């Protein structure tokens, strides 16, 4: 018996996630998890990972060092691109540093 409408399993899983409304929360979780990897261990220790959240396509980050906050503000667009590329989807459009 030959099946004519065979589909790739990854396409089916992605389709299921989209239909059930789980794709966006999953991508947001992946982006938050990627924050420490993108910044590295030295810089990520000055950011409060527990208070990292996404609201209205903006990533809110609590930074404990004023100098690092200024440095990250200047590299904001690069960070947005890097994080979105890491997830494979456009999850955020801006980063707000508190």
Protein backbone atom coordinates (compact mmCIF):
# COMPACT_ATOMS: atom_id res chain seq x y z
CA UNK A 1 0.00 0.00 0.00
CA UNK A 2 1.51 3.33 -1.09
CA UNK A 3 0.76 6.59 0.69
CA UNK A 4 0.59 9.58 -1.58
CA UNK A 5 0.13 12.33 1.01
CA UNK A 6 3.11 11.68 3.25
CA UNK A 7 4.28 14.70 5.23
CA UNK A 8 7.40 15.47 7.20
CA UNK A 9 6.93 14.98 10.96
CA UNK A 10 8.51 18.36 11.78
CA UNK A 11 5.96 20.10 9.53
CA UNK A 12 3.13 18.28 11.30
CA UNK A 13 4.42 19.22 14.76
CA UNK A 14 4.82 22.86 13.70
CA UNK A 15 1.31 22.87 12.25
CA UNK A 16 -0.07 21.38 15.49
CA UNK A 17 1.72 24.04 17.58
CA UNK A 18 0.32 26.83 15.40
CA UNK A 19 -3.24 25.50 15.48
CA UNK A 20 -3.20 24.98 19.23
CA UNK A 21 -1.67 28.42 19.92
CA UNK A 22 1.50 27.06 21.48
CA UNK A 23 4.07 28.26 18.96
CA UNK A 24 4.42 31.79 20.34
CA UNK A 25 4.80 30.80 24.01
CA UNK A 26 7.31 28.11 23.05
CA UNK A 27 9.39 30.59 21.03
CA UNK A 28 9.26 33.11 23.89
CA UNK A 29 10.51 30.47 26.31
CA UNK A 30 13.32 29.52 23.93
CA UNK A 31 14.35 33.18 23.58
CA UNK A 32 14.46 33.70 27.35
CA UNK A 33 16.55 30.54 27.72
CA UNK A 34 18.91 31.78 24.99
CA UNK A 35 19.56 35.10 26.80
CA UNK A 36 22.34 33.71 29.02
CA UNK A 37 23.95 31.88 26.09
CA UNK A 38 24.01 34.98 23.88
CA UNK A 39 25.39 37.30 26.57
CA UNK A 40 27.85 34.85 28.04
CA UNK A 41 28.48 33.98 31.69
CA UNK A 42 30.29 37.21 32.65
CA UNK A 43 27.56 39.59 31.47
CA UNK A 44 24.57 37.41 32.29
CA UNK A 45 25.45 37.40 36.00
CA UNK A 46 24.57 41.13 36.06
CA UNK A 47 21.11 40.50 34.63
CA UNK A 48 18.28 39.11 36.71
CA UNK A 49 17.18 36.07 34.71
CA UNK A 50 14.23 35.46 37.06
CA UNK A 51 12.69 38.81 36.08
CA UNK A 52 13.24 38.37 32.35
CA UNK A 53 9.92 38.45 30.49
CA UNK A 54 8.33 39.27 27.14
CA UNK A 55 5.28 41.47 26.74
CA UNK A 56 3.97 42.90 23.45
CA UNK A 57 7.04 41.66 21.54
CA UNK A 58 9.38 43.51 23.90
CA UNK A 59 11.92 41.77 26.09
CA UNK A 60 12.16 43.33 29.55
CA UNK A 61 15.52 42.83 31.28
CA UNK A 62 16.53 43.91 34.79
CA UNK A 63 20.22 44.89 34.77
CA UNK A 64 22.04 45.44 38.07
CA UNK A 65 24.99 47.36 36.61
CA UNK A 66 24.52 50.84 35.17
CA UNK A 67 27.60 50.55 32.95
CA UNK A 68 26.40 47.25 31.51
CA UNK A 69 22.92 48.71 30.99
CA UNK A 70 24.43 51.50 28.87
CA UNK A 71 26.57 49.05 26.90
CA UNK A 72 23.63 46.74 26.23
CA UNK A 73 21.48 49.71 25.19
CA UNK A 74 23.99 50.60 22.50
CA UNK A 75 23.99 46.99 21.24
CA UNK A 76 20.18 46.66 21.41
CA UNK A 77 19.51 46.11 17.69
CA UNK A 78 22.28 43.52 17.43
CA UNK A 79 20.92 41.67 20.45
CA UNK A 80 17.41 41.63 19.00
CA UNK A 81 18.66 40.16 15.72
CA UNK A 82 20.88 37.60 17.45
CA UNK A 83 18.14 36.41 19.81
CA UNK A 84 15.55 36.16 17.04
CA UNK A 85 18.01 34.24 14.85
CA UNK A 86 18.76 31.91 17.74
CA UNK A 87 15.06 31.04 18.05
CA UNK A 88 14.46 30.98 14.30
CA UNK A 89 11.50 33.34 14.40
CA UNK A 90 10.81 37.01 15.06
CA UNK A 91 9.73 36.91 18.68
CA UNK A 92 10.83 40.37 19.86
CA UNK A 93 11.21 43.75 18.19
CA UNK A 94 12.81 45.65 21.08
CA UNK A 95 14.56 45.21 24.41
CA UNK A 96 13.76 47.37 27.43
CA UNK A 97 16.47 47.58 30.11
CA UNK A 98 15.36 48.40 33.67
